[in-house]
Amino acid sequence: MLRIVCLLVAMMAPGMTAADVDAVYDFDSRSEEQRYQNLISELRCPKCQNQNIADSNSPISKDMRNAVYQMMLDGKSNDDIVDSLVGRFGEFVKYKPDLESRTFVLWATPFIAVLGGILLVVGVVIRSRRAGMAAPELSAEEQARIDKMLAERNQNGND
C-alpha cells in the first residue's frame, strides 16, 4: 500500500511543481534587448494599475509584452509601439502622458501646489512681521501697574 501511495505522489509531483515560465525572447543585440526592457518598463499594466508590464504577472501584461516584442521584430519604432498600445488600451498605459489640453491639469497640479504653499508661507511670515512691528501702546495706568509689579518682584527677590 505504501508503494502505491509513493508511486501516486511521484507521478503527481511534476504537475505540482510546474511553474508559469515567462516567454524568453531572443534579441539580435544588447541594444535591442535594452530597448525592449525600456519599453516594457515605461508602459503601465491596465489591470494592475500601479505596475509596469515588466513587473506584472497578469495575462494582459504578458500579451502586451508579446505585442511589444512582435512589433520590435516587425521593425516598428518606439513611438509606433507606444501609439499602438495606447490606441488599444488608452492613454492610461503611459506613465508619462503627453502634454495636451486634457492632461494640462495633471501636469500643472504639482506646480500649482508648490506655488500655493510658497504663497501661504510668505503670507504667514508677512502677517507675523506686521503684527510684531505694531505692538500696542500701553496706557499710563497699565504702565503704572507693570512698574508696581516689577518693583514688588524686585523687592521680594532681594529679601
N, C-alpha and C. Protein backbone atom coordinates (compact mmCIF):
# COMPACT_ATOMS: atom_id res chain seq x y z
N MET A 1 0.82 -1.19 0.00
CA MET A 1 0.00 0.00 0.00
C MET A 1 0.87 1.25 0.00
N LEU A 2 1.95 1.24 0.79
CA LEU A 2 2.86 2.37 0.86
C LEU A 2 3.51 2.62 -0.50
N ARG A 3 3.82 1.55 -1.21
CA ARG A 3 4.43 1.69 -2.54
C ARG A 3 3.46 2.37 -3.51
N ILE A 4 2.20 2.05 -3.42
CA ILE A 4 1.21 2.65 -4.32
C ILE A 4 1.08 4.15 -4.04
N VAL A 5 1.04 4.52 -2.79
CA VAL A 5 0.93 5.93 -2.41
C VAL A 5 2.17 6.68 -2.88
N CYS A 6 3.34 6.12 -2.68
CA CYS A 6 4.59 6.75 -3.13
C CYS A 6 4.61 6.89 -4.64
N LEU A 7 4.12 5.88 -5.35
CA LEU A 7 4.06 5.92 -6.81
C LEU A 7 3.12 7.03 -7.27
N LEU A 8 1.96 7.16 -6.64
CA LEU A 8 1.00 8.21 -7.00
C LEU A 8 1.57 9.60 -6.73
N VAL A 9 2.23 9.77 -5.61
CA VAL A 9 2.84 11.08 -5.28
C VAL A 9 3.93 11.40 -6.29
N ALA A 10 4.74 10.41 -6.64
CA ALA A 10 5.81 10.62 -7.61
C ALA A 10 5.26 10.98 -8.98
N MET A 11 4.11 10.42 -9.35
CA MET A 11 3.52 10.71 -10.65
C MET A 11 2.88 12.11 -10.66
N MET A 12 2.37 12.55 -9.53
CA MET A 12 1.72 13.85 -9.46
C MET A 12 2.71 14.98 -9.20
N ALA A 13 3.86 14.70 -8.69
CA ALA A 13 4.84 15.71 -8.33
C ALA A 13 5.24 16.62 -9.49
N PRO A 14 5.53 16.11 -10.68
CA PRO A 14 5.90 17.02 -11.76
C PRO A 14 4.79 18.02 -12.10
N GLY A 15 3.55 17.61 -11.99
CA GLY A 15 2.46 18.53 -12.26
C GLY A 15 2.32 19.60 -11.20
N MET A 16 2.64 19.26 -9.96
CA MET A 16 2.53 20.23 -8.88
C MET A 16 3.67 21.23 -8.90
N THR A 17 4.80 20.86 -9.44
CA THR A 17 5.95 21.76 -9.43
C THR A 17 6.08 22.56 -10.71
N ALA A 18 5.20 22.35 -11.65
CA ALA A 18 5.29 23.11 -12.89
C ALA A 18 5.04 24.57 -12.61
N ALA A 19 5.89 25.42 -13.11
CA ALA A 19 5.77 26.86 -12.88
C ALA A 19 5.41 27.56 -14.18
N ASP A 20 4.82 28.70 -14.01
CA ASP A 20 4.45 29.51 -15.16
C ASP A 20 5.71 30.25 -15.60
N VAL A 21 6.32 29.81 -16.65
CA VAL A 21 7.57 30.38 -17.13
C VAL A 21 7.25 31.44 -18.17
N ASP A 22 7.81 32.64 -17.96
CA ASP A 22 7.63 33.70 -18.94
C ASP A 22 8.35 33.34 -20.23
N ALA A 23 7.84 33.92 -21.29
CA ALA A 23 8.47 33.68 -22.59
C ALA A 23 9.88 34.26 -22.59
N VAL A 24 10.78 33.55 -23.20
CA VAL A 24 12.15 34.01 -23.33
C VAL A 24 12.30 34.55 -24.75
N TYR A 25 12.71 35.82 -24.84
CA TYR A 25 12.81 36.48 -26.12
C TYR A 25 14.26 36.53 -26.56
N ASP A 26 14.48 36.25 -27.84
CA ASP A 26 15.82 36.33 -28.41
C ASP A 26 15.97 37.66 -29.11
N PHE A 27 17.08 38.34 -28.86
CA PHE A 27 17.35 39.63 -29.48
C PHE A 27 18.64 39.53 -30.26
N ASP A 28 18.72 40.35 -31.32
CA ASP A 28 19.91 40.35 -32.16
C ASP A 28 21.09 41.03 -31.47
N SER A 29 20.79 42.01 -30.64
CA SER A 29 21.88 42.73 -29.99
C SER A 29 21.47 43.13 -28.57
N ARG A 30 22.45 43.55 -27.82
CA ARG A 30 22.20 44.01 -26.45
C ARG A 30 21.37 45.29 -26.46
N SER A 31 21.57 46.13 -27.47
CA SER A 31 20.81 47.38 -27.54
C SER A 31 19.32 47.12 -27.79
N GLU A 32 19.01 46.09 -28.57
CA GLU A 32 17.61 45.73 -28.81
C GLU A 32 16.97 45.20 -27.53
N GLU A 33 17.72 44.42 -26.78
CA GLU A 33 17.20 43.92 -25.51
C GLU A 33 16.97 45.06 -24.53
N GLN A 34 17.90 46.02 -24.51
CA GLN A 34 17.75 47.19 -23.65
C GLN A 34 16.55 48.04 -24.08
N ARG A 35 16.37 48.17 -25.37
CA ARG A 35 15.21 48.91 -25.90
C ARG A 35 13.91 48.24 -25.45
N TYR A 36 13.86 46.94 -25.53
CA TYR A 36 12.68 46.17 -25.09
C TYR A 36 12.42 46.40 -23.60
N GLN A 37 13.48 46.30 -22.80
CA GLN A 37 13.33 46.48 -21.36
C GLN A 37 12.84 47.90 -21.04
N ASN A 38 13.36 48.89 -21.74
CA ASN A 38 12.91 50.27 -21.53
C ASN A 38 11.44 50.43 -21.88
N LEU A 39 11.03 49.84 -23.00
CA LEU A 39 9.63 49.96 -23.42
C LEU A 39 8.69 49.30 -22.41
N ILE A 40 9.00 48.10 -21.98
CA ILE A 40 8.07 47.42 -21.08
C ILE A 40 8.08 48.02 -19.67
N SER A 41 9.14 48.73 -19.32
CA SER A 41 9.16 49.39 -18.01
C SER A 41 8.44 50.73 -18.05
N GLU A 42 8.23 51.30 -19.24
CA GLU A 42 7.55 52.59 -19.38
C GLU A 42 6.05 52.44 -19.60
N LEU A 43 5.59 51.23 -19.80
CA LEU A 43 4.16 51.01 -20.05
C LEU A 43 3.50 50.41 -18.82
N ARG A 44 2.33 50.92 -18.48
CA ARG A 44 1.60 50.51 -17.28
C ARG A 44 0.62 49.40 -17.61
N CYS A 45 0.50 48.47 -16.69
CA CYS A 45 -0.47 47.38 -16.84
C CYS A 45 -1.88 47.93 -16.64
N PRO A 46 -2.78 47.70 -17.59
CA PRO A 46 -4.15 48.21 -17.44
C PRO A 46 -4.92 47.53 -16.31
N LYS A 47 -4.52 46.33 -15.95
CA LYS A 47 -5.22 45.61 -14.89
C LYS A 47 -4.65 45.96 -13.51
N CYS A 48 -3.34 45.97 -13.40
CA CYS A 48 -2.69 46.18 -12.11
C CYS A 48 -2.66 47.65 -11.71
N GLN A 49 -2.69 48.54 -12.64
CA GLN A 49 -2.78 49.98 -12.48
C GLN A 49 -1.54 50.64 -11.91
N ASN A 50 -0.83 50.01 -11.02
CA ASN A 50 0.34 50.67 -10.47
C ASN A 50 1.62 49.87 -10.71
N GLN A 51 1.59 48.99 -11.68
CA GLN A 51 2.78 48.22 -12.05
C GLN A 51 3.01 48.39 -13.54
N ASN A 52 4.27 48.37 -13.91
CA ASN A 52 4.54 48.36 -15.34
C ASN A 52 4.39 46.93 -15.86
N ILE A 53 4.36 46.80 -17.17
CA ILE A 53 4.12 45.46 -17.72
C ILE A 53 5.33 44.54 -17.54
N ALA A 54 6.48 45.11 -17.22
CA ALA A 54 7.65 44.28 -16.96
C ALA A 54 7.51 43.53 -15.62
N ASP A 55 6.88 44.17 -14.65
CA ASP A 55 6.76 43.58 -13.31
C ASP A 55 5.47 42.82 -13.09
N SER A 56 4.47 43.04 -13.92
CA SER A 56 3.16 42.45 -13.70
C SER A 56 3.11 41.02 -14.24
N ASN A 57 2.37 40.17 -13.54
CA ASN A 57 2.18 38.80 -13.99
C ASN A 57 0.79 38.56 -14.56
N SER A 58 0.04 39.63 -14.77
CA SER A 58 -1.32 39.46 -15.29
C SER A 58 -1.27 39.01 -16.75
N PRO A 59 -2.29 38.30 -17.20
CA PRO A 59 -2.31 37.84 -18.58
C PRO A 59 -2.26 38.98 -19.60
N ILE A 60 -2.88 40.10 -19.28
CA ILE A 60 -2.87 41.21 -20.22
C ILE A 60 -1.46 41.79 -20.36
N SER A 61 -0.69 41.79 -19.27
CA SER A 61 0.70 42.26 -19.35
C SER A 61 1.55 41.33 -20.20
N LYS A 62 1.30 40.03 -20.07
CA LYS A 62 2.03 39.08 -20.91
C LYS A 62 1.71 39.31 -22.38
N ASP A 63 0.42 39.56 -22.67
CA ASP A 63 0.04 39.85 -24.05
C ASP A 63 0.70 41.13 -24.55
N MET A 64 0.77 42.13 -23.68
CA MET A 64 1.40 43.40 -24.07
C MET A 64 2.90 43.21 -24.31
N ARG A 65 3.56 42.43 -23.46
CA ARG A 65 4.99 42.16 -23.67
C ARG A 65 5.21 41.44 -25.00
N ASN A 66 4.34 40.46 -25.29
CA ASN A 66 4.44 39.75 -26.56
C ASN A 66 4.22 40.70 -27.74
N ALA A 67 3.25 41.60 -27.59
CA ALA A 67 2.97 42.56 -28.66
C ALA A 67 4.16 43.49 -28.87
N VAL A 68 4.79 43.95 -27.79
CA VAL A 68 5.95 44.81 -27.91
C VAL A 68 7.07 44.06 -28.64
N TYR A 69 7.33 42.84 -28.24
CA TYR A 69 8.38 42.05 -28.87
C TYR A 69 8.09 41.83 -30.36
N GLN A 70 6.85 41.48 -30.67
CA GLN A 70 6.48 41.23 -32.06
C GLN A 70 6.61 42.49 -32.90
N MET A 71 6.19 43.63 -32.36
CA MET A 71 6.31 44.89 -33.11
C MET A 71 7.77 45.28 -33.29
N MET A 72 8.60 44.96 -32.31
CA MET A 72 10.04 45.23 -32.47
C MET A 72 10.60 44.38 -33.60
N LEU A 73 10.18 43.10 -33.68
CA LEU A 73 10.64 42.23 -34.77
C LEU A 73 10.17 42.75 -36.13
N ASP A 74 8.99 43.38 -36.14
CA ASP A 74 8.44 43.93 -37.38
C ASP A 74 9.10 45.25 -37.77
N GLY A 75 10.01 45.76 -36.94
CA GLY A 75 10.75 46.96 -37.28
C GLY A 75 10.06 48.26 -36.89
N LYS A 76 9.11 48.20 -36.00
CA LYS A 76 8.40 49.41 -35.58
C LYS A 76 9.28 50.23 -34.63
N SER A 77 9.07 51.54 -34.67
CA SER A 77 9.81 52.43 -33.77
C SER A 77 9.14 52.42 -32.39
N ASN A 78 9.84 52.99 -31.42
CA ASN A 78 9.29 53.06 -30.06
C ASN A 78 7.96 53.83 -30.06
N ASP A 79 7.92 54.94 -30.79
CA ASP A 79 6.69 55.74 -30.84
C ASP A 79 5.54 54.95 -31.45
N ASP A 80 5.84 54.19 -32.51
CA ASP A 80 4.80 53.37 -33.14
C ASP A 80 4.27 52.30 -32.17
N ILE A 81 5.17 51.70 -31.42
CA ILE A 81 4.78 50.66 -30.46
C ILE A 81 3.90 51.25 -29.37
N VAL A 82 4.34 52.37 -28.80
CA VAL A 82 3.57 53.01 -27.73
C VAL A 82 2.23 53.49 -28.27
N ASP A 83 2.22 54.10 -29.45
CA ASP A 83 0.96 54.57 -30.04
C ASP A 83 0.00 53.42 -30.29
N SER A 84 0.53 52.29 -30.72
CA SER A 84 -0.32 51.12 -30.96
C SER A 84 -0.98 50.64 -29.66
N LEU A 85 -0.19 50.57 -28.60
CA LEU A 85 -0.73 50.11 -27.31
C LEU A 85 -1.66 51.15 -26.69
N VAL A 86 -1.38 52.44 -26.90
CA VAL A 86 -2.28 53.48 -26.42
C VAL A 86 -3.60 53.41 -27.19
N GLY A 87 -3.52 53.16 -28.47
CA GLY A 87 -4.73 53.02 -29.27
C GLY A 87 -5.57 51.84 -28.83
N ARG A 88 -4.92 50.80 -28.38
CA ARG A 88 -5.64 49.59 -27.95
C ARG A 88 -6.16 49.68 -26.52
N PHE A 89 -5.34 50.25 -25.60
CA PHE A 89 -5.68 50.24 -24.18
C PHE A 89 -5.99 51.62 -23.60
N GLY A 90 -5.72 52.67 -24.34
CA GLY A 90 -5.99 54.02 -23.85
C GLY A 90 -4.74 54.68 -23.30
N GLU A 91 -4.86 55.98 -23.05
CA GLU A 91 -3.75 56.81 -22.59
C GLU A 91 -3.22 56.36 -21.22
N PHE A 92 -4.03 55.61 -20.50
CA PHE A 92 -3.68 55.16 -19.16
C PHE A 92 -2.39 54.32 -19.14
N VAL A 93 -2.08 53.62 -20.21
CA VAL A 93 -0.92 52.73 -20.20
C VAL A 93 0.41 53.48 -20.20
N LYS A 94 0.36 54.78 -20.43
CA LYS A 94 1.60 55.58 -20.42
C LYS A 94 1.79 56.18 -19.03
N TYR A 95 2.97 55.96 -18.45
CA TYR A 95 3.26 56.57 -17.16
C TYR A 95 3.43 58.08 -17.31
N LYS A 96 3.90 58.53 -18.44
CA LYS A 96 4.10 59.95 -18.69
C LYS A 96 3.22 60.37 -19.87
N PRO A 97 1.97 60.74 -19.60
CA PRO A 97 1.10 61.12 -20.71
C PRO A 97 1.58 62.40 -21.38
N ASP A 98 1.24 62.57 -22.65
CA ASP A 98 1.63 63.75 -23.40
C ASP A 98 0.94 64.98 -22.84
N LEU A 99 1.59 66.14 -22.98
CA LEU A 99 1.00 67.40 -22.53
C LEU A 99 0.00 67.87 -23.56
N GLU A 100 -1.27 67.75 -23.20
CA GLU A 100 -2.36 68.15 -24.07
C GLU A 100 -3.33 68.98 -23.23
N SER A 101 -4.35 69.50 -23.87
CA SER A 101 -5.32 70.31 -23.13
C SER A 101 -6.03 69.49 -22.06
N ARG A 102 -6.28 68.22 -22.33
CA ARG A 102 -6.99 67.41 -21.35
C ARG A 102 -6.07 66.87 -20.25
N THR A 103 -4.75 66.92 -20.44
CA THR A 103 -3.83 66.47 -19.39
C THR A 103 -3.08 67.63 -18.75
N PHE A 104 -3.43 68.86 -19.12
CA PHE A 104 -2.72 70.02 -18.59
C PHE A 104 -2.82 70.10 -17.06
N VAL A 105 -4.01 69.87 -16.53
CA VAL A 105 -4.20 69.94 -15.07
C VAL A 105 -3.34 68.89 -14.38
N LEU A 106 -3.22 67.71 -14.98
CA LEU A 106 -2.38 66.65 -14.41
C LEU A 106 -0.93 67.11 -14.29
N TRP A 107 -0.43 67.77 -15.33
CA TRP A 107 0.95 68.24 -15.32
C TRP A 107 1.12 69.49 -14.46
N ALA A 108 0.10 70.35 -14.39
CA ALA A 108 0.22 71.62 -13.69
C ALA A 108 -0.02 71.50 -12.19
N THR A 109 -0.69 70.47 -11.74
CA THR A 109 -1.05 70.34 -10.32
C THR A 109 0.15 70.42 -9.38
N PRO A 110 1.26 69.75 -9.63
CA PRO A 110 2.39 69.88 -8.70
C PRO A 110 2.92 71.32 -8.62
N PHE A 111 2.97 72.01 -9.75
CA PHE A 111 3.47 73.39 -9.74
C PHE A 111 2.49 74.31 -9.01
N ILE A 112 1.20 74.09 -9.22
CA ILE A 112 0.19 74.89 -8.54
C ILE A 112 0.25 74.65 -7.03
N ALA A 113 0.43 73.42 -6.62
CA ALA A 113 0.51 73.09 -5.19
C ALA A 113 1.74 73.72 -4.55
N VAL A 114 2.88 73.66 -5.21
CA VAL A 114 4.11 74.26 -4.67
C VAL A 114 3.96 75.77 -4.60
N LEU A 115 3.45 76.39 -5.65
CA LEU A 115 3.25 77.83 -5.67
C LEU A 115 2.28 78.25 -4.57
N GLY A 116 1.18 77.51 -4.39
CA GLY A 116 0.23 77.81 -3.32
C GLY A 116 0.88 77.71 -1.95
N GLY A 117 1.71 76.70 -1.74
CA GLY A 117 2.41 76.54 -0.46
C GLY A 117 3.37 77.69 -0.19
N ILE A 118 4.10 78.10 -1.22
CA ILE A 118 5.03 79.23 -1.07
C ILE A 118 4.27 80.50 -0.73
N LEU A 119 3.17 80.75 -1.46
CA LEU A 119 2.37 81.95 -1.18
C LEU A 119 1.80 81.92 0.24
N LEU A 120 1.38 80.77 0.70
CA LEU A 120 0.85 80.64 2.06
C LEU A 120 1.93 80.95 3.10
N VAL A 121 3.12 80.41 2.91
CA VAL A 121 4.22 80.67 3.85
C VAL A 121 4.60 82.14 3.84
N VAL A 122 4.69 82.74 2.66
CA VAL A 122 5.04 84.17 2.56
C VAL A 122 3.97 85.00 3.26
N GLY A 123 2.70 84.67 3.05
CA GLY A 123 1.61 85.41 3.70
C GLY A 123 1.68 85.32 5.21
N VAL A 124 1.96 84.13 5.75
CA VAL A 124 2.05 83.96 7.20
C VAL A 124 3.24 84.75 7.75
N VAL A 125 4.38 84.70 7.06
CA VAL A 125 5.57 85.42 7.53
C VAL A 125 5.32 86.92 7.51
N ILE A 126 4.74 87.44 6.45
CA ILE A 126 4.47 88.88 6.37
C ILE A 126 3.48 89.30 7.45
N ARG A 127 2.44 88.52 7.64
CA ARG A 127 1.43 88.85 8.65
C ARG A 127 2.05 88.85 10.05
N SER A 128 2.92 87.86 10.34
CA SER A 128 3.52 87.81 11.67
C SER A 128 4.50 88.96 11.88
N ARG A 129 5.21 89.38 10.86
CA ARG A 129 6.13 90.52 10.99
C ARG A 129 5.37 91.81 11.22
N ARG A 130 4.27 91.98 10.52
CA ARG A 130 3.47 93.18 10.70
C ARG A 130 2.88 93.21 12.12
N ALA A 131 2.46 92.07 12.61
CA ALA A 131 1.90 92.02 13.96
C ALA A 131 2.97 92.32 15.01
N GLY A 132 4.20 91.90 14.77
CA GLY A 132 5.30 92.14 15.70
C GLY A 132 5.73 93.59 15.71
N MET A 133 5.66 94.27 14.59
CA MET A 133 6.07 95.67 14.49
C MET A 133 5.05 96.60 15.15
N ALA A 134 3.83 96.29 15.02
CA ALA A 134 2.77 97.16 15.51
C ALA A 134 2.33 96.72 16.91
N ALA A 135 3.27 96.74 17.85
CA ALA A 135 2.93 96.37 19.22
C ALA A 135 2.05 97.47 19.81
N PRO A 136 0.99 97.11 20.48
CA PRO A 136 0.09 98.14 21.01
C PRO A 136 0.75 98.93 22.14
N GLU A 137 0.42 100.22 22.17
CA GLU A 137 0.94 101.11 23.22
C GLU A 137 0.17 100.84 24.52
N LEU A 138 0.89 100.90 25.62
CA LEU A 138 0.25 100.74 26.92
C LEU A 138 -0.26 102.08 27.42
N SER A 139 -1.38 102.03 28.07
CA SER A 139 -1.89 103.27 28.67
C SER A 139 -1.05 103.60 29.89
N ALA A 140 -1.20 104.81 30.40
CA ALA A 140 -0.43 105.24 31.58
C ALA A 140 -0.78 104.37 32.78
N GLU A 141 -2.05 104.01 32.89
CA GLU A 141 -2.49 103.18 34.01
C GLU A 141 -1.86 101.79 33.94
N GLU A 142 -1.83 101.18 32.74
CA GLU A 142 -1.24 99.84 32.56
C GLU A 142 0.26 99.89 32.84
N GLN A 143 0.91 100.95 32.38
CA GLN A 143 2.35 101.08 32.60
C GLN A 143 2.64 101.22 34.09
N ALA A 144 1.80 101.93 34.79
CA ALA A 144 1.99 102.11 36.24
C ALA A 144 1.82 100.77 36.96
N ARG A 145 0.85 99.96 36.56
CA ARG A 145 0.64 98.64 37.17
C ARG A 145 1.85 97.74 36.94
N ILE A 146 2.39 97.78 35.73
CA ILE A 146 3.57 96.95 35.42
C ILE A 146 4.76 97.39 36.25
N ASP A 147 4.95 98.69 36.33
CA ASP A 147 6.08 99.19 37.12
C ASP A 147 5.94 98.77 38.58
N LYS A 148 4.71 98.84 39.11
CA LYS A 148 4.45 98.44 40.50
C LYS A 148 4.76 96.96 40.69
N MET A 149 4.31 96.08 39.74
CA MET A 149 4.57 94.64 39.84
C MET A 149 6.06 94.35 39.78
N LEU A 150 6.78 95.02 38.91
CA LEU A 150 8.23 94.80 38.80
C LEU A 150 8.94 95.26 40.07
N ALA A 151 8.49 96.36 40.64
CA ALA A 151 9.10 96.87 41.88
C ALA A 151 8.87 95.89 43.01
N GLU A 152 7.65 95.34 43.11
CA GLU A 152 7.36 94.35 44.15
C GLU A 152 8.18 93.09 43.96
N ARG A 153 8.34 92.70 42.75
CA ARG A 153 9.12 91.48 42.44
C ARG A 153 10.57 91.68 42.83
N ASN A 154 11.10 92.84 42.46
CA ASN A 154 12.50 93.11 42.80
C ASN A 154 12.69 93.21 44.31
N GLN A 155 11.68 93.79 44.99
CA GLN A 155 11.77 93.92 46.43
C GLN A 155 11.69 92.56 47.10
N ASN A 156 10.82 91.66 46.60
CA ASN A 156 10.68 90.31 47.17
C ASN A 156 11.91 89.46 46.84
N GLY A 157 12.49 89.71 45.71
CA GLY A 157 13.66 88.91 45.30
C GLY A 157 14.89 89.27 46.10
N ASN A 158 14.98 90.51 46.57
CA ASN A 158 16.16 90.95 47.31
C ASN A 158 16.08 90.57 48.79
N ASP A 159 14.92 90.23 49.27
CA ASP A 159 14.77 89.90 50.71
C ASP A 159 15.37 88.61 51.06
